[in-house]
Amino acid sequence: MKIVGAGPPYYVFIADSRTLSDPEHPILAVDTGNEDPDRDGVPTLRVVPSEMAAIENNLSLANMDFEDFASSADEDGVFRGF
């Protein structure tokens, strides 16, 4: 059994009630790896299913950071691509 945040990968994708009820089905992405003591809360964003692989691939290769995607999310907090 793997404990969330106990090592790579340092992110998880969660299908919650909004994912199931919203017409776009935005999946909740959670950054579990940044242990910045000055940070308030856990960074999250939502991602449409068609862009989920872009996030997973780039994070797993350390090609991009979670913040790169979070800063590119739309005003509603959903990442729909670059």
PDB file of N, CA and C in Angstrom:
ATOM      1  N   MET A   1       0.847  -1.179   0.000  1.00  0.00           N
ATOM      2  CA  MET A   1       0.000   0.000   0.000  1.00  0.00           C
ATOM      3  C   MET A   1       0.887   1.235   0.000  1.00  0.00           C
ATOM      4  N   LYS A   2       0.507   2.240  -0.769  1.00  0.00           N
ATOM      5  CA  LYS A   2       1.257   3.482  -0.877  1.00  0.00           C
ATOM      6  C   LYS A   2       0.521   4.576  -0.117  1.00  0.00           C
ATOM      7  N   ILE A   3       1.265   5.330   0.675  1.00  0.00           N
ATOM      8  CA  ILE A   3       0.695   6.462   1.400  1.00  0.00           C
ATOM      9  C   ILE A   3       0.890   7.698   0.541  1.00  0.00           C
ATOM     10  N   VAL A   4      -0.168   8.479   0.347  1.00  0.00           N
ATOM     11  CA  VAL A   4      -0.082   9.686  -0.465  1.00  0.00           C
ATOM     12  C   VAL A   4       0.965  10.612   0.124  1.00  0.00           C
ATOM     13  N   GLY A   5       1.882  11.082  -0.725  1.00  0.00           N
ATOM     14  CA  GLY A   5       2.926  11.997  -0.297  1.00  0.00           C
ATOM     15  C   GLY A   5       4.158  11.310   0.252  1.00  0.00           C
ATOM     16  N   ALA A   6       4.206   9.980   0.234  1.00  0.00           N
ATOM     17  CA  ALA A   6       5.327   9.249   0.816  1.00  0.00           C
ATOM     18  C   ALA A   6       6.445   8.990  -0.188  1.00  0.00           C
ATOM     19  N   GLY A   7       6.481   9.681  -1.268  1.00  0.00           N
ATOM     20  CA  GLY A   7       7.519   9.492  -2.263  1.00  0.00           C
ATOM     21  C   GLY A   7       6.950   9.636  -3.650  1.00  0.00           C
ATOM     22  N   PRO A   8       7.809   9.525  -4.649  1.00  0.00           N
ATOM     23  CA  PRO A   8       7.313   9.732  -6.011  1.00  0.00           C
ATOM     24  C   PRO A   8       6.150   8.814  -6.329  1.00  0.00           C
ATOM     25  N   PRO A   9       5.190   9.243  -7.108  1.00  0.00           N
ATOM     26  CA  PRO A   9       5.045  10.600  -7.626  1.00  0.00           C
ATOM     27  C   PRO A   9       4.549  11.546  -6.544  1.00  0.00           C
ATOM     28  N   TYR A  10       4.809  12.806  -6.732  1.00  0.00           N
ATOM     29  CA  TYR A  10       4.437  13.817  -5.747  1.00  0.00           C
ATOM     30  C   TYR A  10       3.182  14.570  -6.173  1.00  0.00           C
ATOM     31  N   TYR A  11       2.249  13.860  -6.744  1.00  0.00           N
ATOM     32  CA  TYR A  11       0.974  14.429  -7.149  1.00  0.00           C
ATOM     33  C   TYR A  11      -0.035  13.292  -7.221  1.00  0.00           C
ATOM     34  N   VAL A  12      -1.294  13.646  -7.078  1.00  0.00           N
ATOM     35  CA  VAL A  12      -2.364  12.659  -7.229  1.00  0.00           C
ATOM     36  C   VAL A  12      -3.490  13.300  -8.018  1.00  0.00           C
ATOM     37  N   PHE A  13      -4.269  12.474  -8.689  1.00  0.00           N
ATOM     38  CA  PHE A  13      -5.459  12.906  -9.402  1.00  0.00           C
ATOM     39  C   PHE A  13      -6.656  12.275  -8.703  1.00  0.00           C
ATOM     40  N   ILE A  14      -7.670  13.091  -8.444  1.00  0.00           N
ATOM     41  CA  ILE A  14      -8.828  12.623  -7.691  1.00  0.00           C
ATOM     42  C   ILE A  14     -10.111  12.943  -8.449  1.00  0.00           C
ATOM     43  N   ALA A  15     -10.962  11.937  -8.601  1.00  0.00           N
ATOM     44  CA  ALA A  15     -12.297  12.148  -9.157  1.00  0.00           C
ATOM     45  C   ALA A  15     -13.242  12.310  -7.978  1.00  0.00           C
ATOM     46  N   ASP A  16     -13.790  13.505  -7.842  1.00  0.00           N
ATOM     47  CA  ASP A  16     -14.692  13.789  -6.731  1.00  0.00           C
ATOM     48  C   ASP A  16     -16.085  14.120  -7.269  1.00  0.00           C
ATOM     49  N   SER A  17     -16.953  14.630  -6.419  1.00  0.00           N
ATOM     50  CA  SER A  17     -18.329  14.904  -6.843  1.00  0.00           C
ATOM     51  C   SER A  17     -18.382  15.948  -7.956  1.00  0.00           C
ATOM     52  N   ARG A  18     -17.503  16.943  -7.923  1.00  0.00           N
ATOM     53  CA  ARG A  18     -17.500  17.926  -9.015  1.00  0.00           C
ATOM     54  C   ARG A  18     -17.067  17.275 -10.320  1.00  0.00           C
ATOM     55  N   THR A  19     -16.077  16.400 -10.260  1.00  0.00           N
ATOM     56  CA  THR A  19     -15.624  15.701 -11.461  1.00  0.00           C
ATOM     57  C   THR A  19     -16.785  14.965 -12.117  1.00  0.00           C
ATOM     58  N   LEU A  20     -17.604  14.326 -11.301  1.00  0.00           N
ATOM     59  CA  LEU A  20     -18.697  13.511 -11.827  1.00  0.00           C
ATOM     60  C   LEU A  20     -19.904  14.326 -12.257  1.00  0.00           C
ATOM     61  N   SER A  21     -20.104  15.509 -11.660  1.00  0.00           N
ATOM     62  CA  SER A  21     -21.316  16.279 -11.966  1.00  0.00           C
ATOM     63  C   SER A  21     -21.105  17.401 -12.983  1.00  0.00           C
ATOM     64  N   ASP A  22     -19.897  17.912 -13.109  1.00  0.00           N
ATOM     65  CA  ASP A  22     -19.605  19.008 -14.043  1.00  0.00           C
ATOM     66  C   ASP A  22     -19.547  18.455 -15.470  1.00  0.00           C
ATOM     67  N   PRO A  23     -20.144  19.131 -16.437  1.00  0.00           N
ATOM     68  CA  PRO A  23     -20.129  18.639 -17.822  1.00  0.00           C
ATOM     69  C   PRO A  23     -18.720  18.435 -18.402  1.00  0.00           C
ATOM     70  N   GLU A  24     -17.726  19.209 -17.940  1.00  0.00           N
ATOM     71  CA  GLU A  24     -16.347  19.043 -18.420  1.00  0.00           C
ATOM     72  C   GLU A  24     -15.595  17.946 -17.667  1.00  0.00           C
ATOM     73  N   HIS A  25     -16.138  17.460 -16.568  1.00  0.00           N
ATOM     74  CA  HIS A  25     -15.520  16.435 -15.722  1.00  0.00           C
ATOM     75  C   HIS A  25     -14.094  16.806 -15.292  1.00  0.00           C
ATOM     76  N   PRO A  26     -13.900  18.024 -14.732  1.00  0.00           N
ATOM     77  CA  PRO A  26     -12.548  18.438 -14.338  1.00  0.00           C
ATOM     78  C   PRO A  26     -12.034  17.636 -13.147  1.00  0.00           C
ATOM     79  N   ILE A  27     -10.930  16.960 -13.356  1.00  0.00           N
ATOM     80  CA  ILE A  27     -10.318  16.104 -12.342  1.00  0.00           C
ATOM     81  C   ILE A  27      -9.478  16.968 -11.415  1.00  0.00           C
ATOM     82  N   LEU A  28      -9.516  16.696 -10.125  1.00  0.00           N
ATOM     83  CA  LEU A  28      -8.743  17.441  -9.147  1.00  0.00           C
ATOM     84  C   LEU A  28      -7.312  16.913  -9.121  1.00  0.00           C
ATOM     85  N   ALA A  29      -6.350  17.796  -9.362  1.00  0.00           N
ATOM     86  CA  ALA A  29      -4.925  17.443  -9.293  1.00  0.00           C
ATOM     87  C   ALA A  29      -4.362  18.084  -8.034  1.00  0.00           C
ATOM     88  N   VAL A  30      -3.635  17.312  -7.241  1.00  0.00           N
ATOM     89  CA  VAL A  30      -3.106  17.777  -5.961  1.00  0.00           C
ATOM     90  C   VAL A  30      -1.593  17.583  -5.936  1.00  0.00           C
ATOM     91  N   ASP A  31      -0.871  18.657  -5.603  1.00  0.00           N
ATOM     92  CA  ASP A  31       0.586  18.602  -5.455  1.00  0.00           C
ATOM     93  C   ASP A  31       0.885  18.131  -4.034  1.00  0.00           C
ATOM     94  N   THR A  32       1.437  16.934  -3.899  1.00  0.00           N
ATOM     95  CA  THR A  32       1.728  16.388  -2.569  1.00  0.00           C
ATOM     96  C   THR A  32       3.207  16.465  -2.220  1.00  0.00           C
ATOM     97  N   GLY A  33       4.025  17.037  -3.102  1.00  0.00           N
ATOM     98  CA  GLY A  33       5.459  16.969  -2.906  1.00  0.00           C
ATOM     99  C   GLY A  33       6.136  18.217  -2.394  1.00  0.00           C
ATOM    100  N   ASN A  34       5.509  19.359  -2.480  1.00  0.00           N
ATOM    101  CA  ASN A  34       6.155  20.594  -2.081  1.00  0.00           C
ATOM    102  C   ASN A  34       5.999  20.795  -0.587  1.00  0.00           C
ATOM    103  N   GLU A  35       7.093  20.729   0.139  1.00  0.00           N
ATOM    104  CA  GLU A  35       7.040  20.863   1.603  1.00  0.00           C
ATOM    105  C   GLU A  35       7.553  22.232   2.034  1.00  0.00           C
ATOM    106  N   ASP A  36       7.111  23.276   1.365  1.00  0.00           N
ATOM    107  CA  ASP A  36       7.502  24.641   1.681  1.00  0.00           C
ATOM    108  C   ASP A  36       6.779  25.084   2.956  1.00  0.00           C
ATOM    109  N   PRO A  37       7.514  25.352   4.045  1.00  0.00           N
ATOM    110  CA  PRO A  37       6.858  25.731   5.299  1.00  0.00           C
ATOM    111  C   PRO A  37       6.160  27.083   5.226  1.00  0.00           C
ATOM    112  N   ASP A  38       6.505  27.914   4.257  1.00  0.00           N
ATOM    113  CA  ASP A  38       5.867  29.221   4.116  1.00  0.00           C
ATOM    114  C   ASP A  38       4.588  29.165   3.288  1.00  0.00           C
ATOM    115  N   ARG A  39       4.303  28.002   2.717  1.00  0.00           N
ATOM    116  CA  ARG A  39       3.129  27.851   1.864  1.00  0.00           C
ATOM    117  C   ARG A  39       1.895  27.565   2.704  1.00  0.00           C
ATOM    118  N   ASP A  40       0.805  28.221   2.382  1.00  0.00           N
ATOM    119  CA  ASP A  40      -0.468  27.951   3.042  1.00  0.00           C
ATOM    120  C   ASP A  40      -1.252  26.942   2.221  1.00  0.00           C
ATOM    121  N   GLY A  41      -1.612  25.847   2.815  1.00  0.00           N
ATOM    122  CA  GLY A  41      -2.421  24.848   2.128  1.00  0.00           C
ATOM    123  C   GLY A  41      -1.648  24.012   1.133  1.00  0.00           C
ATOM    124  N   VAL A  42      -2.380  23.171   0.444  1.00  0.00           N
ATOM    125  CA  VAL A  42      -1.819  22.257  -0.540  1.00  0.00           C
ATOM    126  C   VAL A  42      -2.220  22.754  -1.926  1.00  0.00           C
ATOM    127  N   PRO A  43      -1.257  22.934  -2.848  1.00  0.00           N
ATOM    128  CA  PRO A  43      -1.607  23.402  -4.192  1.00  0.00           C
ATOM    129  C   PRO A  43      -2.489  22.395  -4.928  1.00  0.00           C
ATOM    130  N   THR A  44      -3.541  22.915  -5.532  1.00  0.00           N
ATOM    131  CA  THR A  44      -4.442  22.091  -6.326  1.00  0.00           C
ATOM    132  C   THR A  44      -4.822  22.849  -7.596  1.00  0.00           C
ATOM    133  N   LEU A  45      -5.300  22.105  -8.545  1.00  0.00           N
ATOM    134  CA  LEU A  45      -5.924  22.673  -9.723  1.00  0.00           C
ATOM    135  C   LEU A  45      -6.828  21.607 -10.287  1.00  0.00           C
ATOM    136  N   ARG A  46      -7.673  22.008 -11.190  1.00  0.00           N
ATOM    137  CA  ARG A  46      -8.516  21.046 -11.881  1.00  0.00           C
ATOM    138  C   ARG A  46      -8.043  20.960 -13.310  1.00  0.00           C
ATOM    139  N   VAL A  47      -8.227  19.812 -13.916  1.00  0.00           N
ATOM    140  CA  VAL A  47      -7.770  19.591 -15.283  1.00  0.00           C
ATOM    141  C   VAL A  47      -8.840  18.802 -16.045  1.00  0.00           C
ATOM    142  N   VAL A  48      -9.114  19.249 -17.269  1.00  0.00           N
ATOM    143  CA  VAL A  48     -10.047  18.490 -18.099  1.00  0.00           C
ATOM    144  C   VAL A  48      -9.362  17.171 -18.480  1.00  0.00           C
ATOM    145  N   PRO A  49     -10.130  16.101 -18.620  1.00  0.00           N
ATOM    146  CA  PRO A  49      -9.529  14.783 -18.881  1.00  0.00           C
ATOM    147  C   PRO A  49      -8.562  14.746 -20.067  1.00  0.00           C
ATOM    148  N   SER A  50      -8.845  15.500 -21.124  1.00  0.00           N
ATOM    149  CA  SER A  50      -7.978  15.453 -22.307  1.00  0.00           C
ATOM    150  C   SER A  50      -6.591  16.036 -22.055  1.00  0.00           C
ATOM    151  N   GLU A  51      -6.418  16.814 -20.985  1.00  0.00           N
ATOM    152  CA  GLU A  51      -5.123  17.420 -20.668  1.00  0.00           C
ATOM    153  C   GLU A  51      -4.417  16.748 -19.486  1.00  0.00           C
ATOM    154  N   MET A  52      -5.046  15.752 -18.892  1.00  0.00           N
ATOM    155  CA  MET A  52      -4.464  15.085 -17.729  1.00  0.00           C
ATOM    156  C   MET A  52      -3.124  14.426 -18.060  1.00  0.00           C
ATOM    157  N   ALA A  53      -3.005  13.812 -19.229  1.00  0.00           N
ATOM    158  CA  ALA A  53      -1.751  13.162 -19.616  1.00  0.00           C
ATOM    159  C   ALA A  53      -0.623  14.167 -19.753  1.00  0.00           C
ATOM    160  N   ALA A  54      -0.923  15.375 -20.213  1.00  0.00           N
ATOM    161  CA  ALA A  54       0.111  16.409 -20.341  1.00  0.00           C
ATOM    162  C   ALA A  54       0.704  16.736 -18.979  1.00  0.00           C
ATOM    163  N   ILE A  55      -0.148  16.836 -17.976  1.00  0.00           N
ATOM    164  CA  ILE A  55       0.337  17.120 -16.624  1.00  0.00           C
ATOM    165  C   ILE A  55       1.136  15.936 -16.096  1.00  0.00           C
ATOM    166  N   GLU A  56       0.581  14.750 -16.181  1.00  0.00           N
ATOM    167  CA  GLU A  56       1.254  13.564 -15.637  1.00  0.00           C
ATOM    168  C   GLU A  56       2.600  13.335 -16.311  1.00  0.00           C
ATOM    169  N   ASN A  57       2.639  13.412 -17.629  1.00  0.00           N
ATOM    170  CA  ASN A  57       3.892  13.163 -18.349  1.00  0.00           C
ATOM    171  C   ASN A  57       4.966  14.176 -17.979  1.00  0.00           C
ATOM    172  N   ASN A  58       4.615  15.450 -17.980  1.00  0.00           N
ATOM    173  CA  ASN A  58       5.611  16.483 -17.697  1.00  0.00           C
ATOM    174  C   ASN A  58       6.067  16.479 -16.242  1.00  0.00           C
ATOM    175  N   LEU A  59       5.173  16.181 -15.306  1.00  0.00           N
ATOM    176  CA  LEU A  59       5.582  16.098 -13.905  1.00  0.00           C
ATOM    177  C   LEU A  59       6.455  14.869 -13.669  1.00  0.00           C
ATOM    178  N   SER A  60       6.103  13.736 -14.265  1.00  0.00           N
ATOM    179  CA  SER A  60       6.876  12.511 -14.022  1.00  0.00           C
ATOM    180  C   SER A  60       8.272  12.601 -14.630  1.00  0.00           C
ATOM    181  N   LEU A  61       8.431  13.382 -15.686  1.00  0.00           N
ATOM    182  CA  LEU A  61       9.747  13.581 -16.301  1.00  0.00           C
ATOM    183  C   LEU A  61      10.513  14.746 -15.685  1.00  0.00           C
ATOM    184  N   ALA A  62       9.881  15.454 -14.760  1.00  0.00           N
ATOM    185  CA  ALA A  62      10.443  16.663 -14.149  1.00  0.00           C
ATOM    186  C   ALA A  62      10.746  17.705 -15.221  1.00  0.00           C
ATOM    187  N   ASN A  63       9.958  17.673 -16.290  1.00  0.00           N
ATOM    188  CA  ASN A  63      10.087  18.631 -17.374  1.00  0.00           C
ATOM    189  C   ASN A  63       9.442  19.962 -16.995  1.00  0.00           C
ATOM    190  N   MET A  64       8.394  19.894 -16.178  1.00  0.00           N
ATOM    191  CA  MET A  64       7.672  21.077 -15.715  1.00  0.00           C
ATOM    192  C   MET A  64       7.311  20.858 -14.251  1.00  0.00           C
ATOM    193  N   ASP A  65       6.963  21.963 -13.589  1.00  0.00           N
ATOM    194  CA  ASP A  65       6.525  21.909 -12.195  1.00  0.00           C
ATOM    195  C   ASP A  65       5.012  22.069 -12.112  1.00  0.00           C
ATOM    196  N   PHE A  66       4.456  21.679 -10.988  1.00  0.00           N
ATOM    197  CA  PHE A  66       3.026  21.810 -10.766  1.00  0.00           C
ATOM    198  C   PHE A  66       2.599  23.262 -10.970  1.00  0.00           C
ATOM    199  N   GLU A  67       3.424  24.188 -10.511  1.00  0.00           N
ATOM    200  CA  GLU A  67       3.115  25.612 -10.631  1.00  0.00           C
ATOM    201  C   GLU A  67       2.978  26.053 -12.088  1.00  0.00           C
ATOM    202  N   ASP A  68       3.732  25.425 -12.992  1.00  0.00           N
ATOM    203  CA  ASP A  68       3.613  25.764 -14.413  1.00  0.00           C
ATOM    204  C   ASP A  68       2.189  25.537 -14.915  1.00  0.00           C
ATOM    205  N   PHE A  69       1.582  24.475 -14.465  1.00  0.00           N
ATOM    206  CA  PHE A  69       0.211  24.170 -14.875  1.00  0.00           C
ATOM    207  C   PHE A  69      -0.791  25.022 -14.100  1.00  0.00           C
ATOM    208  N   ALA A  70      -0.557  25.189 -12.804  1.00  0.00           N
ATOM    209  CA  ALA A  70      -1.476  25.987 -11.989  1.00  0.00           C
ATOM    210  C   ALA A  70      -1.548  27.421 -12.493  1.00  0.00           C
ATOM    211  N   SER A  71      -0.412  27.981 -12.887  1.00  0.00           N
ATOM    212  CA  SER A  71      -0.404  29.362 -13.366  1.00  0.00           C
ATOM    213  C   SER A  71      -1.019  29.490 -14.757  1.00  0.00           C
ATOM    214  N   SER A  72      -1.198  28.367 -15.449  1.00  0.00           N
ATOM    215  CA  SER A  72      -1.811  28.389 -16.779  1.00  0.00           C
ATOM    216  C   SER A  72      -3.280  27.972 -16.756  1.00  0.00           C
ATOM    217  N   ALA A  73      -3.810  27.733 -15.562  1.00  0.00           N
ATOM    218  CA  ALA A  73      -5.237  27.396 -15.447  1.00  0.00           C
ATOM    219  C   ALA A  73      -6.063  28.643 -15.714  1.00  0.00           C
ATOM    220  N   ASP A  74      -7.273  28.425 -16.186  1.00  0.00           N
ATOM    221  CA  ASP A  74      -8.189  29.531 -16.431  1.00  0.00           C
ATOM    222  C   ASP A  74      -8.642  30.140 -15.107  1.00  0.00           C
ATOM    223  N   GLU A  75      -9.386  31.230 -15.176  1.00  0.00           N
ATOM    224  CA  GLU A  75      -9.835  31.935 -13.971  1.00  0.00           C
ATOM    225  C   GLU A  75     -10.624  31.042 -13.019  1.00  0.00           C
ATOM    226  N   ASP A  76     -11.284  30.020 -13.550  1.00  0.00           N
ATOM    227  CA  ASP A  76     -12.062  29.115 -12.708  1.00  0.00           C
ATOM    228  C   ASP A  76     -11.209  28.012 -12.105  1.00  0.00           C
ATOM    229  N   GLY A  77      -9.878  28.057 -12.327  1.00  0.00           N
ATOM    230  CA  GLY A  77      -8.980  27.069 -11.739  1.00  0.00           C
ATOM    231  C   GLY A  77      -8.851  25.784 -12.512  1.00  0.00           C
ATOM    232  N   VAL A  78      -9.380  25.732 -13.728  1.00  0.00           N
ATOM    233  CA  VAL A  78      -9.325  24.521 -14.553  1.00  0.00           C
ATOM    234  C   VAL A  78      -8.264  24.692 -15.636  1.00  0.00           C
ATOM    235  N   PHE A  79      -7.359  23.725 -15.730  1.00  0.00           N
ATOM    236  CA  PHE A  79      -6.351  23.718 -16.777  1.00  0.00           C
ATOM    237  C   PHE A  79      -6.954  23.042 -18.004  1.00  0.00           C
ATOM    238  N   ARG A  80      -6.963  23.790 -19.110  1.00  0.00           N
ATOM    239  CA  ARG A  80      -7.526  23.278 -20.360  1.00  0.00           C
ATOM    240  C   ARG A  80      -6.479  23.200 -21.469  1.00  0.00           C
ATOM    241  N   GLY A  81      -5.221  23.358 -21.100  1.00  0.00           N
ATOM    242  CA  GLY A  81      -4.130  23.293 -22.071  1.00  0.00           C
ATOM    243  C   GLY A  81      -3.458  24.641 -22.228  1.00  0.00           C
ATOM    244  N   PHE A  82      -2.342  24.620 -22.913  1.00  0.00           N
ATOM    245  CA  PHE A  82      -1.570  25.842 -23.133  1.00  0.00           C
ATOM    246  C   PHE A  82      -2.033  26.551 -24.381  1.00  0.00           C
TER     247      PHE A  82
END
